Amino acid sequence: MDALSFAPLCAYLKHCFGACTGISFVDATSLKVCHNRRIGQHRVFADLAARGKTSVDWFFGFKLHLVVNELGELLNIQLTPGNTDDRKPVRALLQGLFGKVFADRGYVSQKLAED
């Protein structure tokens, strides 16, 4: 993706955001940039992407973290390298939101629960 198409994409995503209702859900999905057999040959995202693991399999690419409300409206997003711990972007994702947050086990820690 070049710089000319990145700015309109960000503006469009901000336009699609909904309002926080007090109930939020957090989850992530993998964005694979190449097949595992081609990691050594891959050059496009070589400096940005990383090898990560999901509950299903290993992959090379990014993790897309999403926060949605109970209506399915997008509240926030963050893109991280594939090897980033799911708990790391949580504070940035939930900034400005209120109420209860529901997430899977990968996002749970005692310190985040206290916050």
Protein backbone atom coordinates (compact mmCIF):
# COMPACT_ATOMS: atom_id res chain seq x y z
CA MET A 1 0.00 0.00 0.00
CA ASP A 2 1.51 3.32 -0.95
CA ALA A 3 1.28 6.58 1.00
CA LEU A 4 -1.34 8.01 -1.37
CA SER A 5 -3.86 5.29 -0.58
CA PHE A 6 -3.07 5.03 3.15
CA ALA A 7 -4.46 8.46 4.15
CA PRO A 8 -7.88 7.92 2.51
CA LEU A 9 -8.09 4.46 4.08
CA CYS A 10 -7.48 5.91 7.56
CA ALA A 11 -10.05 8.65 6.97
CA TYR A 12 -12.61 6.07 5.81
CA LEU A 13 -12.03 3.86 8.84
CA LYS A 14 -12.44 6.82 11.23
CA HIS A 15 -15.72 7.65 9.45
CA CYS A 16 -16.94 4.07 10.06
CA PHE A 17 -16.37 4.19 13.83
CA GLY A 18 -19.43 3.93 16.06
CA ALA A 19 -20.09 5.26 19.55
CA CYS A 20 -19.14 3.53 22.79
CA THR A 21 -22.23 2.12 24.51
CA GLY A 22 -20.54 0.71 27.62
CA ILE A 23 -20.17 -2.86 26.33
CA SER A 24 -17.11 -3.58 24.18
CA PHE A 25 -15.54 -6.69 22.69
CA VAL A 26 -11.84 -7.04 21.82
CA ASP A 27 -10.31 -9.63 19.52
CA ALA A 28 -7.57 -10.04 16.93
CA THR A 29 -7.12 -11.78 13.63
CA SER A 30 -3.98 -12.63 11.71
CA LEU A 31 -3.16 -10.96 8.41
CA LYS A 32 -0.79 -13.29 6.60
CA VAL A 33 1.53 -11.66 4.08
CA CYS A 34 2.97 -14.87 2.64
CA HIS A 35 2.91 -18.63 3.02
CA ASN A 36 5.14 -20.06 5.75
CA ARG A 37 7.34 -21.79 3.15
CA ARG A 38 8.17 -18.42 1.54
CA ILE A 39 9.13 -16.43 4.66
CA GLY A 40 12.84 -16.49 3.76
CA GLN A 41 12.15 -15.13 0.27
CA HIS A 42 9.60 -12.51 1.29
CA ARG A 43 10.86 -8.92 0.96
CA VAL A 44 7.87 -6.56 0.81
CA PHE A 45 7.11 -6.45 4.55
CA ALA A 46 10.37 -8.00 5.74
CA ASP A 47 11.12 -5.11 8.15
CA LEU A 48 7.53 -4.70 9.43
CA ALA A 49 5.92 -8.15 9.58
CA ALA A 50 6.92 -10.87 12.02
CA ARG A 51 6.29 -14.53 12.62
CA GLY A 52 3.44 -15.03 15.07
CA LYS A 53 1.19 -17.75 16.43
CA THR A 54 -2.56 -17.98 16.66
CA SER A 55 -4.59 -20.71 18.32
CA VAL A 56 -4.68 -22.45 14.95
CA ASP A 57 -1.21 -22.16 13.43
CA TRP A 58 1.97 -20.16 12.90
CA PHE A 59 1.91 -17.32 10.36
CA PHE A 60 4.09 -14.51 8.98
CA GLY A 61 2.46 -11.11 8.95
CA PHE A 62 0.47 -8.81 11.20
CA LYS A 63 -2.26 -8.96 13.85
CA LEU A 64 -5.29 -6.76 13.42
CA HIS A 65 -6.78 -5.92 16.83
CA LEU A 66 -10.40 -4.72 16.82
CA VAL A 67 -12.75 -3.26 19.41
CA VAL A 68 -16.47 -3.33 18.64
CA ASN A 69 -19.59 -2.50 20.64
CA GLU A 70 -22.54 -4.87 21.11
CA LEU A 71 -24.09 -3.48 17.91
CA GLY A 72 -21.06 -4.58 15.90
CA GLU A 73 -19.88 -1.02 15.28
CA LEU A 74 -16.14 -0.48 15.09
CA LEU A 75 -14.72 1.48 18.04
CA ASN A 76 -10.97 1.20 17.51
CA ILE A 77 -8.34 -0.74 15.55
CA GLN A 78 -4.62 -1.32 15.79
CA LEU A 79 -2.19 -3.18 13.55
CA THR A 80 0.83 -4.86 15.17
CA PRO A 81 3.55 -7.25 13.98
CA GLY A 82 2.57 -10.91 14.26
CA ASN A 83 4.81 -11.60 17.25
CA THR A 84 3.32 -8.86 19.47
CA ASP A 85 1.66 -10.04 22.69
CA ASP A 86 -2.11 -9.46 22.55
CA ARG A 87 -2.03 -7.62 25.90
CA LYS A 88 0.39 -4.93 24.67
CA PRO A 89 -2.01 -2.79 22.56
CA VAL A 90 -4.99 -3.05 24.95
CA ARG A 91 -4.48 0.27 26.75
CA ALA A 92 -4.23 2.18 23.45
CA LEU A 93 -7.25 0.33 22.04
CA LEU A 94 -9.45 1.13 25.03
CA GLN A 95 -8.39 4.75 25.47
CA GLY A 96 -11.47 6.96 25.63
CA LEU A 97 -13.89 4.03 26.03
CA PHE A 98 -15.95 3.27 29.14
CA GLY A 99 -17.91 0.38 30.61
CA LYS A 100 -17.22 -3.35 30.47
CA VAL A 101 -14.79 -5.01 28.07
CA PHE A 102 -14.98 -8.66 27.04
CA ALA A 103 -12.02 -10.46 25.47
CA ASP A 104 -10.55 -13.93 25.06
CA ARG A 105 -7.83 -15.40 27.27
CA GLY A 106 -4.98 -13.87 25.23
CA TYR A 107 -5.95 -10.39 26.43
CA VAL A 108 -6.33 -11.22 30.13
CA SER A 109 -3.85 -10.22 32.82
CA GLN A 110 -4.20 -9.15 36.46
CA LYS A 111 -2.72 -5.71 35.80
CA LEU A 112 -5.11 -4.99 32.92
CA ALA A 113 -8.08 -6.16 35.01
CA GLU A 114 -7.14 -3.69 37.73
CA ASP A 115 -6.89 -0.83 35.22
